[in-house]
Amino acid sequence: MTASKPPFNEVKTSKPPAVDPQSQPSAQSADLKLDSATLLEYVQTAYLNADEWKGPLTLHQYLDRETILQETDLTKDGGITGWILTSDALPRNPDGSRPILASCESIHIRAYIARGGEVEKVQAHGIASVFTRPEYRGRGYAGRMMAELGKKLETWKQPEHLTSPFSVLFSDIGPKFYARHGWNVFPSSHIHMPPLDRKTYDTAKTALSAVEDLTLADLQHITTTHYVEQRLQEQSEAHPGTTYVCIRPDMEHFTWHFARDEFQSKLLGKGDPKVKGAIHRETGLGLIWCRVYAANEKDFQLHILHSIIPPVIQNSPDTQAAMAALLLRAQLEAQEWGMAAGVEVWDPTELSVAAAQKLRTEEQGQVEVITRDEEHLCSLRWNAEPDNKDQDIVWLANEKYTWC
């Protein structure tokens, strides 16, 4: 959210009135338009969508959280834009705001495209908070908004004459709606592990490698972006007919998630979450994580934002043991922070799956790699070469740090 004055949570407003059914325009009306929201309108979108996304927070706590998030390095100074679908043919609200028929946000993100061993740094967009108030659902407003947004983001915040090569979003309503507007679903998978109590952890860790906790200061010295650049270079060189895309696994993304975690952890009386992950020093393997607080405590979960895997690492018994020790530490963290739903690892590598298997007993059977088909679907709209419909595109590292 834009770093405007007054702060987001100090804007005096409330949920705006709905347009009466007889006056609601057709989604095909030429009077409808997508426009960036004013600060007042942007805050009103939060009043409208709070019940959908505030989780365990009150409305005002939700506004406080959004204020903090807009001040992170990822989103400050215009890094995030609030969008509304509106109509100048409709009368304005008494406070001067325009009617909000649908709304969403876009975040300006740094990313990569790799082809034939060449890695290019690009500017892309992440889309979040797509919302239509209940009074307007079924009228096609969200579809109209997304159709216009896709075109708008091709040039939004880009240097003159350049096109943003792609935008991403994470669908919670299945694959079809967003695909109609160009955001196609990419492989969306994860593995799940239960929380682990201290006694079980202390026993299990004796058979594994030693790992160390990571703090925010430690993360500053880990070259996550360098690792992924090397991986992009190697894979695109090995597969010259494939285009690889990747969102930068950088501190801007990590700290956005940490800010959310820290605000809610402290607010809910759980303390200051200083441990941001764990590392196996000998191999350089590591995990970066955050706590996610859902509306119900049973759904609280530790999410692995990013798996740190240096390019020299191969899937071997030794590296599996190191990764297993890291995953075990994540399970303990989930237990100690009341993450009843355990640990979730998006886009797990073969190494991660094999490591998770080492932590299971014979009775527990095989690790299940879950393919998501309804929620959190990683979806990408390719703008760079619209005429090349059959282009083979691989989204590398579509891990939880990419979610917005």
Protein backbone atom coordinates (compact mmCIF):
# COMPACT_ATOMS: atom_id res chain seq x y z
CA MET A 1 0.00 0.00 0.00
CA THR A 2 1.28 3.43 -0.90
CA ALA A 3 3.39 5.30 1.64
CA SER A 4 1.07 8.31 1.84
CA LYS A 5 0.24 10.75 4.62
CA PRO A 6 -1.71 10.39 6.81
CA PRO A 7 -0.83 6.76 7.55
CA PHE A 8 -3.23 4.18 6.18
CA ASN A 9 -4.68 3.33 9.59
CA GLU A 10 -5.33 6.97 10.47
CA VAL A 11 -7.62 7.74 7.54
CA LYS A 12 -11.11 8.38 8.93
CA THR A 13 -13.65 6.44 6.91
CA SER A 14 -15.90 3.38 6.98
CA LYS A 15 -17.35 0.77 4.66
CA PRO A 16 -18.82 2.72 1.71
CA PRO A 17 -22.48 2.24 0.78
CA ALA A 18 -23.37 -0.20 -1.99
CA VAL A 19 -24.95 1.00 -5.20
CA ASP A 20 -28.60 -0.06 -5.22
CA PRO A 21 -29.34 -3.02 -7.53
CA GLN A 22 -31.32 -0.96 -10.05
CA SER A 23 -28.38 1.40 -10.56
CA GLN A 24 -25.62 -1.21 -10.80
CA PRO A 25 -24.13 -0.93 -14.31
CA SER A 26 -23.48 -3.77 -16.72
CA ALA A 27 -19.96 -5.20 -16.57
CA GLN A 28 -19.73 -4.44 -20.31
CA SER A 29 -20.61 -0.77 -19.87
CA ALA A 30 -18.26 1.68 -21.57
CA ASP A 31 -18.55 3.86 -18.46
CA LEU A 32 -16.65 1.36 -16.32
CA LYS A 33 -12.94 1.91 -15.85
CA LEU A 34 -10.00 0.58 -13.87
CA ASP A 35 -8.20 3.31 -11.96
CA SER A 36 -5.68 3.60 -9.15
CA ALA A 37 -7.46 4.26 -5.87
CA THR A 38 -7.10 7.46 -3.90
CA LEU A 39 -5.85 6.94 -0.35
CA LEU A 40 -9.42 7.27 0.96
CA GLU A 41 -10.69 4.71 -1.56
CA TYR A 42 -7.78 2.40 -0.83
CA VAL A 43 -8.60 2.36 2.87
CA GLN A 44 -12.24 1.71 2.00
CA THR A 45 -11.20 -1.40 0.06
CA ALA A 46 -9.64 -2.69 3.29
CA TYR A 47 -12.90 -2.06 5.16
CA LEU A 48 -14.68 -4.04 2.46
CA ASN A 49 -12.31 -7.04 2.33
CA ALA A 50 -11.32 -7.26 6.02
CA ASP A 51 -13.58 -10.21 6.82
CA GLU A 52 -11.96 -12.15 3.98
CA TRP A 53 -8.32 -11.62 4.99
CA LYS A 54 -7.94 -10.31 8.53
CA GLY A 55 -7.66 -13.80 10.02
CA PRO A 56 -7.68 -13.62 13.83
CA LEU A 57 -7.38 -9.81 13.87
CA THR A 58 -10.02 -7.18 14.54
CA LEU A 59 -10.76 -4.66 11.81
CA HIS A 60 -8.55 -2.02 13.39
CA GLN A 61 -5.72 -4.50 13.97
CA TYR A 62 -6.02 -5.47 10.31
CA LEU A 63 -5.65 -1.81 9.30
CA ASP A 64 -2.61 -1.54 11.59
CA ARG A 65 -1.06 -4.60 9.95
CA GLU A 66 -1.62 -3.22 6.46
CA THR A 67 -0.03 0.06 7.53
CA ILE A 68 3.10 -1.79 8.66
CA LEU A 69 3.24 -3.85 5.48
CA GLN A 70 3.09 -0.75 3.29
CA GLU A 71 6.23 0.54 5.01
CA THR A 72 8.41 -2.47 4.13
CA ASP A 73 11.11 -2.23 1.47
CA LEU A 74 9.01 -4.27 -0.96
CA THR A 75 6.02 -1.94 -0.95
CA LYS A 76 7.09 1.51 0.25
CA ASP A 77 7.54 4.53 -2.04
CA GLY A 78 4.85 3.46 -4.47
CA GLY A 79 5.84 -0.20 -4.63
CA ILE A 80 2.20 -1.21 -4.19
CA THR A 81 -0.87 0.18 -5.95
CA GLY A 82 -4.51 -0.15 -4.96
CA TRP A 83 -6.87 -0.55 -7.93
CA ILE A 84 -10.63 -0.10 -8.18
CA LEU A 85 -13.17 -0.75 -10.89
CA THR A 86 -15.50 2.23 -10.86
CA SER A 87 -17.70 4.40 -13.06
CA ASP A 88 -17.81 8.15 -13.52
CA ALA A 89 -21.45 7.76 -14.56
CA LEU A 90 -22.37 6.82 -10.98
CA PRO A 91 -22.72 9.53 -8.32
CA ARG A 92 -19.88 9.87 -5.85
CA ASN A 93 -20.29 8.93 -2.20
CA PRO A 94 -20.95 11.73 0.32
CA ASP A 95 -17.24 11.74 1.30
CA GLY A 96 -16.19 12.27 -2.33
CA SER A 97 -15.00 8.71 -2.93
CA ARG A 98 -16.04 6.82 -6.05
CA PRO A 99 -18.17 3.65 -5.97
CA ILE A 100 -15.96 0.55 -5.70
CA LEU A 101 -17.38 -2.21 -7.90
CA ALA A 102 -14.29 -4.44 -7.50
CA SER A 103 -10.78 -3.96 -6.13
CA CYS A 104 -7.30 -5.45 -5.99
CA GLU A 105 -3.65 -4.56 -5.42
CA SER A 106 -0.48 -4.93 -7.47
CA ILE A 107 3.07 -5.05 -6.14
CA HIS A 108 6.05 -4.07 -8.28
CA ILE A 109 8.55 -6.93 -7.99
CA ARG A 110 12.02 -7.75 -9.23
CA ALA A 111 12.37 -10.93 -11.22
CA TYR A 112 14.40 -12.85 -13.80
CA ILE A 113 13.96 -14.31 -17.26
CA ALA A 114 16.52 -16.86 -18.48
CA ARG A 115 17.02 -18.30 -21.96
CA GLY A 116 19.95 -20.22 -23.39
CA GLY A 117 22.17 -19.54 -20.40
CA GLU A 118 21.50 -15.78 -20.38
CA VAL A 119 19.83 -14.40 -17.24
CA GLU A 120 18.03 -11.05 -17.53
CA LYS A 121 16.84 -8.93 -14.60
CA VAL A 122 13.30 -7.62 -15.17
CA GLN A 123 10.44 -5.80 -13.43
CA ALA A 124 7.20 -7.74 -13.00
CA HIS A 125 4.03 -7.52 -10.90
CA GLY A 126 2.35 -9.57 -8.19
CA ILE A 127 -1.44 -9.25 -7.84
CA ALA A 128 -3.24 -9.61 -4.51
CA SER A 129 -6.50 -8.95 -2.68
CA VAL A 130 -8.86 -9.43 -5.64
CA PHE A 131 -12.27 -8.69 -4.12
CA THR A 132 -15.89 -7.97 -4.99
CA ARG A 133 -18.33 -7.13 -2.20
CA PRO A 134 -21.22 -9.63 -1.82
CA GLU A 135 -23.81 -7.17 -3.17
CA TYR A 136 -22.06 -7.14 -6.55
CA ARG A 137 -21.06 -10.77 -7.00
CA GLY A 138 -22.22 -12.57 -10.10
CA ARG A 139 -22.37 -9.38 -12.18
CA GLY A 140 -18.99 -9.82 -13.89
CA TYR A 141 -17.20 -6.89 -12.28
CA ALA A 142 -14.16 -8.90 -11.19
CA GLY A 143 -13.77 -10.28 -14.70
CA ARG A 144 -13.94 -6.79 -16.20
CA MET A 145 -11.37 -5.58 -13.68
CA MET A 146 -8.94 -8.41 -14.40
CA ALA A 147 -9.27 -7.98 -18.16
CA GLU A 148 -8.30 -4.32 -17.83
CA LEU A 149 -5.66 -4.95 -15.17
CA GLY A 150 -3.77 -7.44 -17.33
CA LYS A 151 -3.35 -4.83 -20.04
CA LYS A 152 -2.62 -2.01 -17.59
CA LEU A 153 0.21 -3.88 -15.87
CA GLU A 154 2.03 -4.49 -19.14
CA THR A 155 3.36 -0.92 -18.95
CA TRP A 156 2.65 0.11 -15.34
CA LYS A 157 5.78 1.48 -13.64
CA GLN A 158 7.96 0.35 -16.57
CA PRO A 159 10.62 2.51 -18.24
CA GLU A 160 9.38 4.13 -21.45
CA HIS A 161 8.84 1.75 -24.39
CA LEU A 162 9.36 -1.34 -22.19
CA THR A 163 6.78 -4.00 -21.35
CA SER A 164 6.60 -5.89 -18.08
CA PRO A 165 7.21 -9.49 -19.17
CA PHE A 166 4.82 -11.14 -16.74
CA SER A 167 2.56 -10.83 -13.72
CA VAL A 168 1.59 -13.44 -11.14
CA LEU A 169 -1.25 -14.12 -8.73
CA PHE A 170 -2.32 -16.93 -6.43
CA SER A 171 -5.86 -18.11 -7.11
CA ASP A 172 -8.09 -19.30 -4.29
CA ILE A 173 -11.02 -19.97 -6.64
CA GLY A 174 -9.63 -22.70 -8.89
CA PRO A 175 -7.91 -22.31 -12.27
CA LYS A 176 -10.67 -21.27 -14.69
CA PHE A 177 -11.59 -17.68 -13.80
CA TYR A 178 -8.10 -16.18 -13.99
CA ALA A 179 -7.12 -18.35 -16.97
CA ARG A 180 -9.87 -16.65 -18.98
CA HIS A 181 -7.95 -13.41 -18.53
CA GLY A 182 -4.49 -14.78 -19.27
CA TRP A 183 -3.20 -16.01 -15.89
CA ASN A 184 -2.51 -19.68 -16.45
CA VAL A 185 -1.93 -22.09 -13.59
CA PHE A 186 1.60 -23.43 -13.13
CA PRO A 187 2.53 -26.48 -11.05
CA SER A 188 1.41 -25.78 -7.47
CA SER A 189 2.52 -28.40 -4.97
CA HIS A 190 3.66 -28.76 -1.37
CA ILE A 191 4.51 -31.25 1.32
CA HIS A 192 3.22 -31.12 4.87
CA MET A 193 4.87 -32.14 8.13
CA PRO A 194 3.32 -32.18 11.62
CA PRO A 195 4.63 -30.17 14.59
CA LEU A 196 7.12 -31.97 16.83
CA ASP A 197 7.49 -31.70 20.61
CA ARG A 198 10.84 -30.95 22.25
CA LYS A 199 11.38 -34.43 23.69
CA THR A 200 10.84 -36.14 20.33
CA TYR A 201 13.02 -33.53 18.63
CA ASP A 202 15.90 -34.01 21.06
CA THR A 203 15.83 -37.76 20.47
CA ALA A 204 15.55 -37.55 16.68
CA LYS A 205 18.24 -34.92 16.18
CA THR A 206 20.97 -37.14 17.65
CA ALA A 207 20.94 -39.20 14.45
CA LEU A 208 21.19 -36.13 12.20
CA SER A 209 23.60 -33.32 11.41
CA ALA A 210 23.81 -30.27 13.66
CA VAL A 211 22.03 -27.14 12.41
CA GLU A 212 22.01 -23.53 13.62
CA ASP A 213 19.19 -21.03 13.92
CA LEU A 214 19.15 -18.04 11.58
CA THR A 215 18.33 -14.49 12.63
CA LEU A 216 17.50 -11.53 10.42
CA ALA A 217 21.12 -10.38 10.65
CA ASP A 218 22.34 -13.81 9.51
CA LEU A 219 20.16 -13.71 6.41
CA GLN A 220 21.89 -10.57 5.18
CA HIS A 221 25.00 -12.67 4.49
CA ILE A 222 23.34 -15.51 2.56
CA THR A 223 23.48 -15.07 -1.21
CA THR A 224 20.04 -16.44 -2.05
CA THR A 225 19.78 -14.37 -5.23
CA HIS A 226 23.21 -15.49 -6.44
CA TYR A 227 22.24 -19.13 -5.95
CA VAL A 228 19.05 -18.79 -7.97
CA GLU A 229 20.82 -16.83 -10.72
CA GLN A 230 23.29 -19.70 -11.09
CA ARG A 231 20.45 -22.21 -11.15
CA LEU A 232 18.66 -20.22 -13.85
CA GLN A 233 21.82 -19.96 -15.91
CA GLU A 234 22.55 -23.68 -15.70
CA GLN A 235 19.01 -24.90 -16.36
CA SER A 236 18.34 -22.51 -19.24
CA GLU A 237 21.66 -23.47 -20.82
CA ALA A 238 20.79 -27.15 -20.53
CA HIS A 239 17.30 -26.56 -22.00
CA PRO A 240 17.70 -23.83 -24.65
CA GLY A 241 14.14 -24.24 -25.93
CA THR A 242 12.64 -23.34 -22.55
CA THR A 243 12.12 -19.90 -21.01
CA TYR A 244 12.65 -19.78 -17.25
CA VAL A 245 11.10 -17.14 -15.02
CA CYS A 246 11.72 -16.54 -11.33
CA ILE A 247 10.84 -13.96 -8.71
CA ARG A 248 13.94 -12.82 -6.82
CA PRO A 249 14.30 -14.57 -3.44
CA ASP A 250 15.58 -11.38 -1.83
CA MET A 251 15.38 -9.63 1.52
CA GLU A 252 12.60 -7.36 0.22
CA HIS A 253 10.29 -10.35 -0.11
CA PHE A 254 11.45 -12.07 3.07
CA THR A 255 11.06 -8.98 5.26
CA TRP A 256 7.54 -8.35 3.92
CA HIS A 257 6.55 -11.78 5.25
CA PHE A 258 8.54 -11.24 8.46
CA ALA A 259 6.73 -7.94 9.13
CA ARG A 260 3.39 -9.71 8.90
CA ASP A 261 4.63 -12.53 11.16
CA GLU A 262 6.17 -10.20 13.76
CA PHE A 263 3.11 -7.96 14.01
CA GLN A 264 0.70 -10.83 14.53
CA SER A 265 2.98 -12.88 16.79
CA LYS A 266 3.40 -9.97 19.20
CA LEU A 267 -0.25 -8.94 19.01
CA LEU A 268 -1.41 -12.47 19.84
CA GLY A 269 0.92 -12.61 22.84
CA LYS A 270 3.29 -15.19 21.39
CA GLY A 271 6.45 -13.09 21.60
CA ASP A 272 9.00 -11.77 19.13
CA PRO A 273 9.80 -14.34 16.41
CA LYS A 274 13.54 -13.75 16.15
CA VAL A 275 14.36 -17.13 14.59
CA LYS A 276 13.82 -16.75 10.84
CA GLY A 277 15.07 -20.17 9.78
CA ALA A 278 17.95 -22.61 10.15
CA ILE A 279 21.16 -23.52 8.33
CA HIS A 280 23.52 -26.46 7.97
CA ARG A 281 26.88 -24.71 7.83
CA GLU A 282 28.90 -27.46 6.18
CA THR A 283 26.69 -27.72 3.09
CA GLY A 284 25.15 -24.24 3.11
CA LEU A 285 21.68 -25.79 2.98
CA GLY A 286 19.07 -23.79 4.84
CA LEU A 287 15.41 -22.95 5.35
CA ILE A 288 13.80 -19.53 5.76
CA TRP A 289 10.39 -19.54 7.40
CA CYS A 290 7.57 -17.50 8.89
CA ARG A 291 4.48 -18.14 10.97
CA VAL A 292 1.05 -17.77 9.37
CA TYR A 293 -1.95 -17.03 11.57
CA ALA A 294 -5.29 -18.07 10.09
CA ALA A 295 -8.74 -17.23 11.45
CA ASN A 296 -8.80 -20.48 13.46
CA GLU A 297 -5.95 -21.63 15.72
CA LYS A 298 -6.13 -25.15 14.30
CA ASP A 299 -4.97 -23.70 10.97
CA PHE A 300 -1.93 -21.78 12.31
CA GLN A 301 1.04 -22.99 10.27
CA LEU A 302 4.78 -22.54 9.78
CA HIS A 303 5.50 -21.84 6.11
CA ILE A 304 8.90 -22.38 4.52
CA LEU A 305 9.41 -19.19 2.52
CA HIS A 306 12.51 -20.41 0.71
CA SER A 307 14.82 -23.42 0.70
CA ILE A 308 18.45 -22.32 0.46
CA ILE A 309 20.20 -24.77 -1.87
CA PRO A 310 23.67 -23.80 -3.15
CA PRO A 311 24.14 -24.80 -6.83
CA VAL A 312 26.90 -27.30 -5.99
CA ILE A 313 24.53 -29.36 -3.86
CA GLN A 314 23.46 -32.76 -5.21
CA ASN A 315 20.73 -35.03 -3.91
CA SER A 316 22.76 -37.53 -1.87
CA PRO A 317 22.44 -39.38 1.44
CA ASP A 318 24.58 -36.72 3.16
CA THR A 319 22.60 -33.76 1.85
CA GLN A 320 19.33 -35.57 2.60
CA ALA A 321 20.48 -35.97 6.20
CA ALA A 322 21.34 -32.26 6.40
CA MET A 323 17.98 -31.21 4.94
CA ALA A 324 16.20 -33.65 7.25
CA ALA A 325 17.83 -31.94 10.24
CA LEU A 326 16.59 -28.58 8.95
CA LEU A 327 13.04 -29.84 8.44
CA LEU A 328 13.11 -31.40 11.90
CA ARG A 329 14.07 -28.00 13.34
CA ALA A 330 11.14 -26.44 11.47
CA GLN A 331 8.80 -29.00 13.02
CA LEU A 332 10.03 -28.03 16.48
CA GLU A 333 9.53 -24.34 15.68
CA ALA A 334 5.96 -25.09 14.64
CA GLN A 335 5.31 -26.84 17.94
CA GLU A 336 6.86 -24.12 20.09
CA TRP A 337 4.85 -21.37 18.38
CA GLY A 338 1.52 -23.17 18.49
CA MET A 339 1.39 -23.86 14.76
CA ALA A 340 -1.14 -26.67 15.06
CA ALA A 341 -1.26 -27.26 11.30
CA GLY A 342 2.47 -28.01 11.21
CA VAL A 343 4.94 -27.13 8.46
CA GLU A 344 4.25 -26.53 4.78
CA VAL A 345 6.91 -26.52 2.05
CA TRP A 346 5.87 -25.15 -1.36
CA ASP A 347 7.49 -26.39 -4.58
CA PRO A 348 9.51 -29.06 -2.76
CA THR A 349 12.66 -30.29 -4.48
CA GLU A 350 13.52 -33.98 -4.78
CA LEU A 351 16.04 -33.36 -2.02
CA SER A 352 13.38 -31.93 0.31
CA VAL A 353 10.98 -34.80 -0.36
CA ALA A 354 13.70 -37.39 0.25
CA ALA A 355 14.72 -35.59 3.45
CA ALA A 356 11.14 -35.50 4.69
CA GLN A 357 10.90 -39.22 3.99
CA LYS A 358 13.91 -39.87 6.26
CA LEU A 359 11.92 -38.40 9.15
CA ARG A 360 8.98 -40.77 8.68
CA THR A 361 8.58 -44.22 10.17
CA GLU A 362 7.69 -47.25 8.08
CA GLU A 363 4.16 -47.10 9.52
CA GLN A 364 3.77 -43.51 8.33
CA GLY A 365 4.45 -44.52 4.75
CA GLN A 366 5.48 -42.31 1.84
CA VAL A 367 5.61 -38.53 1.91
CA GLU A 368 2.69 -37.17 -0.09
CA VAL A 369 3.47 -34.39 -2.55
CA ILE A 370 0.14 -32.57 -2.63
CA THR A 371 -0.93 -30.92 -5.87
CA ARG A 372 -3.16 -27.94 -5.15
CA ASP A 373 -6.13 -27.61 -7.49
CA GLU A 374 -8.36 -25.01 -5.80
CA GLU A 375 -6.42 -22.74 -3.43
CA HIS A 376 -3.07 -20.91 -3.68
CA LEU A 377 -2.72 -21.80 -7.35
CA CYS A 378 0.46 -20.24 -8.74
CA SER A 379 -0.76 -18.40 -11.85
CA LEU A 380 1.26 -16.41 -14.40
CA ARG A 381 0.30 -14.11 -17.29
CA TRP A 382 3.02 -13.95 -19.95
CA ASN A 383 3.24 -10.58 -21.72
CA ALA A 384 6.69 -10.67 -23.29
CA GLU A 385 5.80 -12.51 -26.51
CA PRO A 386 2.00 -12.65 -26.80
CA ASP A 387 2.13 -14.13 -30.31
CA ASN A 388 4.17 -17.13 -29.16
CA LYS A 389 1.34 -19.09 -27.55
CA ASP A 390 3.22 -22.40 -27.49
CA GLN A 391 6.30 -21.12 -25.68
CA ASP A 392 7.59 -23.51 -23.02
CA ILE A 393 7.79 -21.53 -19.77
CA VAL A 394 9.02 -22.87 -16.44
CA TRP A 395 8.41 -20.91 -13.23
CA LEU A 396 11.41 -21.69 -11.06
CA ALA A 397 11.15 -21.54 -7.25
CA ASN A 398 7.44 -20.77 -6.93
CA GLU A 399 7.86 -21.04 -3.18
CA LYS A 400 5.91 -19.24 -0.47
CA TYR A 401 8.12 -16.11 -0.55
CA THR A 402 6.56 -15.31 -3.95
CA TRP A 403 3.02 -15.19 -2.52
CA CYS A 404 1.39 -11.83 -1.99
